[in-house]
Amino acid sequence: GPYEDLAGRDASRALATFSLNKDAFKDEVDDLSDLDSFQVESLDNWEQQFKEKYDTVGKLLKPGEQPTEYPDSDGDGAEGHAKKN
């Protein structure tokens, strides 16, 4: 789909700068400290839109960050099953 380049990467810079340039997509968590206030606001707006429309299915972890386990809450009866992100 139209957002496939965003999957599994930190696309924060691409969204904040309205750039689809491959350099704007990072395989690791991007340092966004150089974004200006307009770009940060734009990124915040994108995040809000995505949260309203899509379920969170994962999280890009920072190097050394441990995944968090959450109990399965979809009621399928699978005891002990956990989701990680």
PDB file of N, CA and C in Angstrom:
ATOM      1  N   GLY A   1       0.816  -1.183   0.000  1.00  0.00           N
ATOM      2  CA  GLY A   1       0.000   0.000   0.000  1.00  0.00           C
ATOM      3  C   GLY A   1       0.861   1.249   0.000  1.00  0.00           C
ATOM      4  N   PRO A   2       0.237   2.367   0.152  1.00  0.00           N
ATOM      5  CA  PRO A   2       0.947   3.643   0.069  1.00  0.00           C
ATOM      6  C   PRO A   2       1.917   3.887   1.221  1.00  0.00           C
ATOM      7  N   TYR A   3       1.752   3.169   2.332  1.00  0.00           N
ATOM      8  CA  TYR A   3       2.617   3.396   3.487  1.00  0.00           C
ATOM      9  C   TYR A   3       3.638   2.285   3.693  1.00  0.00           C
ATOM     10  N   GLU A   4       3.855   1.427   2.724  1.00  0.00           N
ATOM     11  CA  GLU A   4       4.742   0.278   2.934  1.00  0.00           C
ATOM     12  C   GLU A   4       6.171   0.696   3.281  1.00  0.00           C
ATOM     13  N   ASP A   5       6.636   1.846   2.792  1.00  0.00           N
ATOM     14  CA  ASP A   5       7.983   2.301   3.148  1.00  0.00           C
ATOM     15  C   ASP A   5       8.086   2.701   4.616  1.00  0.00           C
ATOM     16  N   LEU A   6       6.953   2.944   5.268  1.00  0.00           N
ATOM     17  CA  LEU A   6       6.954   3.346   6.671  1.00  0.00           C
ATOM     18  C   LEU A   6       7.055   2.148   7.612  1.00  0.00           C
ATOM     19  N   ALA A   7       6.680   0.975   7.158  1.00  0.00           N
ATOM     20  CA  ALA A   7       6.596  -0.205   8.028  1.00  0.00           C
ATOM     21  C   ALA A   7       7.967  -0.673   8.493  1.00  0.00           C
ATOM     22  N   GLY A   8       8.087  -0.916   9.796  1.00  0.00           N
ATOM     23  CA  GLY A   8       9.305  -1.476  10.358  1.00  0.00           C
ATOM     24  C   GLY A   8      10.485  -0.527  10.418  1.00  0.00           C
ATOM     25  N   ARG A   9      10.248   0.735  10.201  1.00  0.00           N
ATOM     26  CA  ARG A   9      11.315   1.739  10.213  1.00  0.00           C
ATOM     27  C   ARG A   9      10.848   2.945  11.008  1.00  0.00           C
ATOM     28  N   ASP A  10      11.807   3.791  11.361  1.00  0.00           N
ATOM     29  CA  ASP A  10      11.455   5.072  11.949  1.00  0.00           C
ATOM     30  C   ASP A  10      11.236   6.042  10.796  1.00  0.00           C
ATOM     31  N   ALA A  11       9.994   6.343  10.526  1.00  0.00           N
ATOM     32  CA  ALA A  11       9.636   7.249   9.436  1.00  0.00           C
ATOM     33  C   ALA A  11       9.297   8.638   9.962  1.00  0.00           C
ATOM     34  N   SER A  12       9.664   8.911  11.195  1.00  0.00           N
ATOM     35  CA  SER A  12       9.337  10.198  11.822  1.00  0.00           C
ATOM     36  C   SER A  12       9.841  11.376  10.996  1.00  0.00           C
ATOM     37  N   ARG A  13      11.094  11.311  10.559  1.00  0.00           N
ATOM     38  CA  ARG A  13      11.671  12.411   9.782  1.00  0.00           C
ATOM     39  C   ARG A  13      10.943  12.569   8.439  1.00  0.00           C
ATOM     40  N   ALA A  14      10.610  11.470   7.803  1.00  0.00           N
ATOM     41  CA  ALA A  14       9.895  11.531   6.525  1.00  0.00           C
ATOM     42  C   ALA A  14       8.543  12.220   6.694  1.00  0.00           C
ATOM     43  N   LEU A  15       7.832  11.865   7.763  1.00  0.00           N
ATOM     44  CA  LEU A  15       6.529  12.478   8.008  1.00  0.00           C
ATOM     45  C   LEU A  15       6.667  13.948   8.389  1.00  0.00           C
ATOM     46  N   ALA A  16       7.619  14.256   9.252  1.00  0.00           N
ATOM     47  CA  ALA A  16       7.796  15.628   9.732  1.00  0.00           C
ATOM     48  C   ALA A  16       8.207  16.582   8.623  1.00  0.00           C
ATOM     49  N   THR A  17       8.971  16.079   7.657  1.00  0.00           N
ATOM     50  CA  THR A  17       9.505  16.936   6.593  1.00  0.00           C
ATOM     51  C   THR A  17       8.763  16.766   5.266  1.00  0.00           C
ATOM     52  N   PHE A  18       7.728  15.933   5.252  1.00  0.00           N
ATOM     53  CA  PHE A  18       6.973  15.646   4.025  1.00  0.00           C
ATOM     54  C   PHE A  18       7.898  15.172   2.910  1.00  0.00           C
ATOM     55  N   SER A  19       8.833  14.290   3.265  1.00  0.00           N
ATOM     56  CA  SER A  19       9.812  13.787   2.306  1.00  0.00           C
ATOM     57  C   SER A  19       9.686  12.277   2.165  1.00  0.00           C
ATOM     58  N   LEU A  20       9.641  11.798   0.937  1.00  0.00           N
ATOM     59  CA  LEU A  20       9.659  10.360   0.687  1.00  0.00           C
ATOM     60  C   LEU A  20      11.040   9.909   0.225  1.00  0.00           C
ATOM     61  N   ASN A  21      12.031  10.766   0.381  1.00  0.00           N
ATOM     62  CA  ASN A  21      13.414  10.438   0.070  1.00  0.00           C
ATOM     63  C   ASN A  21      13.851   9.283   0.968  1.00  0.00           C
ATOM     64  N   LYS A  22      14.506   8.291   0.401  1.00  0.00           N
ATOM     65  CA  LYS A  22      14.930   7.106   1.168  1.00  0.00           C
ATOM     66  C   LYS A  22      15.803   7.472   2.372  1.00  0.00           C
ATOM     67  N   ASP A  23      16.532   8.593   2.312  1.00  0.00           N
ATOM     68  CA  ASP A  23      17.370   9.022   3.436  1.00  0.00           C
ATOM     69  C   ASP A  23      16.542   9.447   4.646  1.00  0.00           C
ATOM     70  N   ALA A  24      15.260   9.720   4.445  1.00  0.00           N
ATOM     71  CA  ALA A  24      14.397  10.149   5.546  1.00  0.00           C
ATOM     72  C   ALA A  24      13.875   8.964   6.355  1.00  0.00           C
ATOM     73  N   PHE A  25      14.094   7.743   5.882  1.00  0.00           N
ATOM     74  CA  PHE A  25      13.645   6.537   6.578  1.00  0.00           C
ATOM     75  C   PHE A  25      14.845   5.876   7.235  1.00  0.00           C
ATOM     76  N   LYS A  26      14.731   5.560   8.513  1.00  0.00           N
ATOM     77  CA  LYS A  26      15.839   4.959   9.252  1.00  0.00           C
ATOM     78  C   LYS A  26      15.440   3.573   9.746  1.00  0.00           C
ATOM     79  N   ASP A  27      16.394   2.647   9.747  1.00  0.00           N
ATOM     80  CA  ASP A  27      16.145   1.311  10.283  1.00  0.00           C
ATOM     81  C   ASP A  27      16.259   1.291  11.804  1.00  0.00           C
ATOM     82  N   GLU A  28      16.807   2.347  12.373  1.00  0.00           N
ATOM     83  CA  GLU A  28      16.916   2.458  13.822  1.00  0.00           C
ATOM     84  C   GLU A  28      16.188   3.735  14.255  1.00  0.00           C
ATOM     85  N   VAL A  29      16.065   3.929  15.551  1.00  0.00           N
ATOM     86  CA  VAL A  29      15.394   5.122  16.056  1.00  0.00           C
ATOM     87  C   VAL A  29      16.216   6.346  15.661  1.00  0.00           C
ATOM     88  N   ASP A  30      15.552   7.317  15.057  1.00  0.00           N
ATOM     89  CA  ASP A  30      16.213   8.515  14.537  1.00  0.00           C
ATOM     90  C   ASP A  30      16.314   9.590  15.622  1.00  0.00           C
ATOM     91  N   ASP A  31      17.428  10.311  15.653  1.00  0.00           N
ATOM     92  CA  ASP A  31      17.586  11.471  16.529  1.00  0.00           C
ATOM     93  C   ASP A  31      16.926  12.653  15.829  1.00  0.00           C
ATOM     94  N   LEU A  32      15.843  13.135  16.386  1.00  0.00           N
ATOM     95  CA  LEU A  32      15.062  14.187  15.743  1.00  0.00           C
ATOM     96  C   LEU A  32      15.324  15.564  16.346  1.00  0.00           C
ATOM     97  N   SER A  33      16.413  15.707  17.083  1.00  0.00           N
ATOM     98  CA  SER A  33      16.691  16.958  17.791  1.00  0.00           C
ATOM     99  C   SER A  33      16.925  18.139  16.846  1.00  0.00           C
ATOM    100  N   ASP A  34      17.192  17.873  15.575  1.00  0.00           N
ATOM    101  CA  ASP A  34      17.429  18.960  14.624  1.00  0.00           C
ATOM    102  C   ASP A  34      16.160  19.438  13.920  1.00  0.00           C
ATOM    103  N   LEU A  35      15.009  18.842  14.227  1.00  0.00           N
ATOM    104  CA  LEU A  35      13.762  19.290  13.609  1.00  0.00           C
ATOM    105  C   LEU A  35      13.356  20.645  14.181  1.00  0.00           C
ATOM    106  N   ASP A  36      12.788  21.501  13.323  1.00  0.00           N
ATOM    107  CA  ASP A  36      12.309  22.791  13.817  1.00  0.00           C
ATOM    108  C   ASP A  36      10.902  22.630  14.408  1.00  0.00           C
ATOM    109  N   SER A  37      10.380  23.674  15.010  1.00  0.00           N
ATOM    110  CA  SER A  37       9.095  23.582  15.716  1.00  0.00           C
ATOM    111  C   SER A  37       7.945  23.237  14.769  1.00  0.00           C
ATOM    112  N   PHE A  38       7.979  23.731  13.539  1.00  0.00           N
ATOM    113  CA  PHE A  38       6.946  23.398  12.560  1.00  0.00           C
ATOM    114  C   PHE A  38       6.968  21.902  12.244  1.00  0.00           C
ATOM    115  N   GLN A  39       8.163  21.346  12.077  1.00  0.00           N
ATOM    116  CA  GLN A  39       8.301  19.922  11.770  1.00  0.00           C
ATOM    117  C   GLN A  39       7.865  19.052  12.953  1.00  0.00           C
ATOM    118  N   VAL A  40       8.185  19.464  14.167  1.00  0.00           N
ATOM    119  CA  VAL A  40       7.758  18.719  15.358  1.00  0.00           C
ATOM    120  C   VAL A  40       6.235  18.733  15.465  1.00  0.00           C
ATOM    121  N   GLU A  41       5.628  19.880  15.224  1.00  0.00           N
ATOM    122  CA  GLU A  41       4.170  19.973  15.259  1.00  0.00           C
ATOM    123  C   GLU A  41       3.547  19.094  14.177  1.00  0.00           C
ATOM    124  N   SER A  42       4.138  19.099  12.999  1.00  0.00           N
ATOM    125  CA  SER A  42       3.656  18.252  11.911  1.00  0.00           C
ATOM    126  C   SER A  42       3.725  16.778  12.300  1.00  0.00           C
ATOM    127  N   LEU A  43       4.835  16.375  12.902  1.00  0.00           N
ATOM    128  CA  LEU A  43       4.998  14.989  13.344  1.00  0.00           C
ATOM    129  C   LEU A  43       3.961  14.633  14.404  1.00  0.00           C
ATOM    130  N   ASP A  44       3.714  15.537  15.345  1.00  0.00           N
ATOM    131  CA  ASP A  44       2.688  15.302  16.369  1.00  0.00           C
ATOM    132  C   ASP A  44       1.315  15.101  15.732  1.00  0.00           C
ATOM    133  N   ASN A  45       1.007  15.889  14.712  1.00  0.00           N
ATOM    134  CA  ASN A  45      -0.277  15.750  14.014  1.00  0.00           C
ATOM    135  C   ASN A  45      -0.384  14.401  13.308  1.00  0.00           C
ATOM    136  N   TRP A  46       0.696  13.967  12.649  1.00  0.00           N
ATOM    137  CA  TRP A  46       0.702  12.647  12.006  1.00  0.00           C
ATOM    138  C   TRP A  46       0.464  11.553  13.036  1.00  0.00           C
ATOM    139  N   GLU A  47       1.166  11.644  14.180  1.00  0.00           N
ATOM    140  CA  GLU A  47       1.017  10.623  15.219  1.00  0.00           C
ATOM    141  C   GLU A  47      -0.434  10.539  15.688  1.00  0.00           C
ATOM    142  N   GLN A  48      -1.060  11.677  15.911  1.00  0.00           N
ATOM    143  CA  GLN A  48      -2.456  11.694  16.361  1.00  0.00           C
ATOM    144  C   GLN A  48      -3.369  11.054  15.315  1.00  0.00           C
ATOM    145  N   GLN A  49      -3.157  11.386  14.050  1.00  0.00           N
ATOM    146  CA  GLN A  49      -3.982  10.806  12.981  1.00  0.00           C
ATOM    147  C   GLN A  49      -3.832   9.290  12.922  1.00  0.00           C
ATOM    148  N   PHE A  50      -2.595   8.804  13.010  1.00  0.00           N
ATOM    149  CA  PHE A  50      -2.366   7.356  12.964  1.00  0.00           C
ATOM    150  C   PHE A  50      -2.981   6.662  14.172  1.00  0.00           C
ATOM    151  N   LYS A  51      -2.865   7.260  15.355  1.00  0.00           N
ATOM    152  CA  LYS A  51      -3.437   6.657  16.566  1.00  0.00           C
ATOM    153  C   LYS A  51      -4.952   6.548  16.475  1.00  0.00           C
ATOM    154  N   GLU A  52      -5.587   7.540  15.849  1.00  0.00           N
ATOM    155  CA  GLU A  52      -7.042   7.524  15.702  1.00  0.00           C
ATOM    156  C   GLU A  52      -7.500   6.479  14.687  1.00  0.00           C
ATOM    157  N   LYS A  53      -6.692   6.212  13.691  1.00  0.00           N
ATOM    158  CA  LYS A  53      -7.114   5.346  12.592  1.00  0.00           C
ATOM    159  C   LYS A  53      -6.624   3.905  12.703  1.00  0.00           C
ATOM    160  N   TYR A  54      -5.445   3.680  13.292  1.00  0.00           N
ATOM    161  CA  TYR A  54      -4.826   2.355  13.277  1.00  0.00           C
ATOM    162  C   TYR A  54      -4.522   1.867  14.689  1.00  0.00           C
ATOM    163  N   ASP A  55      -4.587   0.554  14.865  1.00  0.00           N
ATOM    164  CA  ASP A  55      -4.141  -0.068  16.105  1.00  0.00           C
ATOM    165  C   ASP A  55      -2.622  -0.165  16.081  1.00  0.00           C
ATOM    166  N   THR A  56      -2.013  -0.003  17.239  1.00  0.00           N
ATOM    167  CA  THR A  56      -0.572  -0.197  17.352  1.00  0.00           C
ATOM    168  C   THR A  56      -0.292  -1.688  17.349  1.00  0.00           C
ATOM    169  N   VAL A  57       0.592  -2.130  16.473  1.00  0.00           N
ATOM    170  CA  VAL A  57       0.919  -3.559  16.383  1.00  0.00           C
ATOM    171  C   VAL A  57       2.372  -3.840  16.738  1.00  0.00           C
ATOM    172  N   GLY A  58       3.142  -2.812  16.990  1.00  0.00           N
ATOM    173  CA  GLY A  58       4.535  -3.004  17.347  1.00  0.00           C
ATOM    174  C   GLY A  58       5.190  -1.683  17.657  1.00  0.00           C
ATOM    175  N   LYS A  59       6.432  -1.775  18.065  1.00  0.00           N
ATOM    176  CA  LYS A  59       7.193  -0.593  18.442  1.00  0.00           C
ATOM    177  C   LYS A  59       8.639  -0.795  18.003  1.00  0.00           C
ATOM    178  N   LEU A  60       9.218   0.212  17.376  1.00  0.00           N
ATOM    179  CA  LEU A  60      10.624   0.173  17.007  1.00  0.00           C
ATOM    180  C   LEU A  60      11.433   0.444  18.266  1.00  0.00           C
ATOM    181  N   LEU A  61      12.256  -0.520  18.655  1.00  0.00           N
ATOM    182  CA  LEU A  61      13.010  -0.409  19.898  1.00  0.00           C
ATOM    183  C   LEU A  61      14.342   0.293  19.683  1.00  0.00           C
ATOM    184  N   LYS A  62      14.725   1.093  20.670  1.00  0.00           N
ATOM    185  CA  LYS A  62      16.049   1.714  20.665  1.00  0.00           C
ATOM    186  C   LYS A  62      17.074   0.628  20.945  1.00  0.00           C
ATOM    187  N   PRO A  63      18.316   0.785  20.485  1.00  0.00           N
ATOM    188  CA  PRO A  63      19.344  -0.215  20.787  1.00  0.00           C
ATOM    189  C   PRO A  63      19.437  -0.456  22.297  1.00  0.00           C
ATOM    190  N   GLY A  64      19.371  -1.721  22.688  1.00  0.00           N
ATOM    191  CA  GLY A  64      19.443  -2.095  24.093  1.00  0.00           C
ATOM    192  C   GLY A  64      18.116  -2.069  24.824  1.00  0.00           C
ATOM    193  N   GLU A  65      17.071  -1.518  24.218  1.00  0.00           N
ATOM    194  CA  GLU A  65      15.754  -1.465  24.861  1.00  0.00           C
ATOM    195  C   GLU A  65      15.108  -2.846  24.807  1.00  0.00           C
ATOM    196  N   GLN A  66      14.570  -3.284  25.920  1.00  0.00           N
ATOM    197  CA  GLN A  66      13.951  -4.601  26.004  1.00  0.00           C
ATOM    198  C   GLN A  66      12.484  -4.534  25.583  1.00  0.00           C
ATOM    199  N   PRO A  67      11.995  -5.556  24.889  1.00  0.00           N
ATOM    200  CA  PRO A  67      10.575  -5.593  24.525  1.00  0.00           C
ATOM    201  C   PRO A  67       9.708  -5.684  25.775  1.00  0.00           C
ATOM    202  N   THR A  68       8.520  -5.154  25.680  1.00  0.00           N
ATOM    203  CA  THR A  68       7.540  -5.229  26.753  1.00  0.00           C
ATOM    204  C   THR A  68       6.535  -6.305  26.395  1.00  0.00           C
ATOM    205  N   GLU A  69       6.180  -7.147  27.354  1.00  0.00           N
ATOM    206  CA  GLU A  69       5.174  -8.175  27.112  1.00  0.00           C
ATOM    207  C   GLU A  69       3.842  -7.720  27.685  1.00  0.00           C
ATOM    208  N   TYR A  70       2.793  -7.912  26.911  1.00  0.00           N
ATOM    209  CA  TYR A  70       1.444  -7.580  27.332  1.00  0.00           C
ATOM    210  C   TYR A  70       0.597  -8.837  27.263  1.00  0.00           C
ATOM    211  N   PRO A  71      -0.276  -9.059  28.249  1.00  0.00           N
ATOM    212  CA  PRO A  71      -1.167 -10.223  28.176  1.00  0.00           C
ATOM    213  C   PRO A  71      -2.068 -10.117  26.947  1.00  0.00           C
ATOM    214  N   ASP A  72      -2.359 -11.244  26.360  1.00  0.00           N
ATOM    215  CA  ASP A  72      -3.260 -11.281  25.209  1.00  0.00           C
ATOM    216  C   ASP A  72      -4.646 -10.887  25.691  1.00  0.00           C
ATOM    217  N   SER A  73      -5.213  -9.839  25.116  1.00  0.00           N
ATOM    218  CA  SER A  73      -6.501  -9.340  25.594  1.00  0.00           C
ATOM    219  C   SER A  73      -7.607  -9.473  24.564  1.00  0.00           C
ATOM    220  N   ASP A  74      -7.386 -10.260  23.512  1.00  0.00           N
ATOM    221  CA  ASP A  74      -8.431 -10.361  22.500  1.00  0.00           C
ATOM    222  C   ASP A  74      -9.424 -11.479  22.785  1.00  0.00           C
ATOM    223  N   GLY A  75      -9.312 -12.101  23.962  1.00  0.00           N
ATOM    224  CA  GLY A  75     -10.333 -13.033  24.409  1.00  0.00           C
ATOM    225  C   GLY A  75     -10.407 -14.330  23.649  1.00  0.00           C
ATOM    226  N   ASP A  76      -9.302 -14.789  23.040  1.00  0.00           N
ATOM    227  CA  ASP A  76      -9.368 -16.031  22.280  1.00  0.00           C
ATOM    228  C   ASP A  76      -9.150 -17.256  23.150  1.00  0.00           C
ATOM    229  N   GLY A  77      -8.944 -17.032  24.459  1.00  0.00           N
ATOM    230  CA  GLY A  77      -8.808 -18.158  25.377  1.00  0.00           C
ATOM    231  C   GLY A  77      -7.437 -18.781  25.407  1.00  0.00           C
ATOM    232  N   ALA A  78      -6.478 -18.228  24.711  1.00  0.00           N
ATOM    233  CA  ALA A  78      -5.126 -18.786  24.696  1.00  0.00           C
ATOM    234  C   ALA A  78      -4.404 -18.351  25.965  1.00  0.00           C
ATOM    235  N   GLU A  79      -4.465 -19.170  26.989  1.00  0.00           N
ATOM    236  CA  GLU A  79      -3.836 -18.852  28.263  1.00  0.00           C
ATOM    237  C   GLU A  79      -2.324 -18.781  28.103  1.00  0.00           C
ATOM    238  N   GLY A  80      -1.725 -17.808  28.763  1.00  0.00           N
ATOM    239  CA  GLY A  80      -0.282 -17.705  28.759  1.00  0.00           C
ATOM    240  C   GLY A  80       0.302 -17.074  27.509  1.00  0.00           C
ATOM    241  N   HIS A  81      -0.513 -16.804  26.522  1.00  0.00           N
ATOM    242  CA  HIS A  81      -0.021 -16.184  25.293  1.00  0.00           C
ATOM    243  C   HIS A  81       0.245 -14.711  25.565  1.00  0.00           C
ATOM    244  N   ALA A  82       1.346 -14.209  25.101  1.00  0.00           N
ATOM    245  CA  ALA A  82       1.673 -12.798  25.309  1.00  0.00           C
ATOM    246  C   ALA A  82       2.107 -12.172  23.998  1.00  0.00           C
ATOM    247  N   LYS A  83       1.811 -10.899  23.877  1.00  0.00           N
ATOM    248  CA  LYS A  83       2.250 -10.132  22.715  1.00  0.00           C
ATOM    249  C   LYS A  83       3.434  -9.291  23.135  1.00  0.00           C
ATOM    250  N   LYS A  84       4.412  -9.173  22.250  1.00  0.00           N
ATOM    251  CA  LYS A  84       5.595  -8.358  22.539  1.00  0.00           C
ATOM    252  C   LYS A  84       5.641  -7.190  21.581  1.00  0.00           C
ATOM    253  N   ASN A  85       6.192  -6.084  22.068  1.00  0.00           N
ATOM    254  CA  ASN A  85       6.530  -4.960  21.196  1.00  0.00           C
ATOM    255  C   ASN A  85       7.745  -4.285  21.717  1.00  0.00           C
TER     256      ASN A  85
END
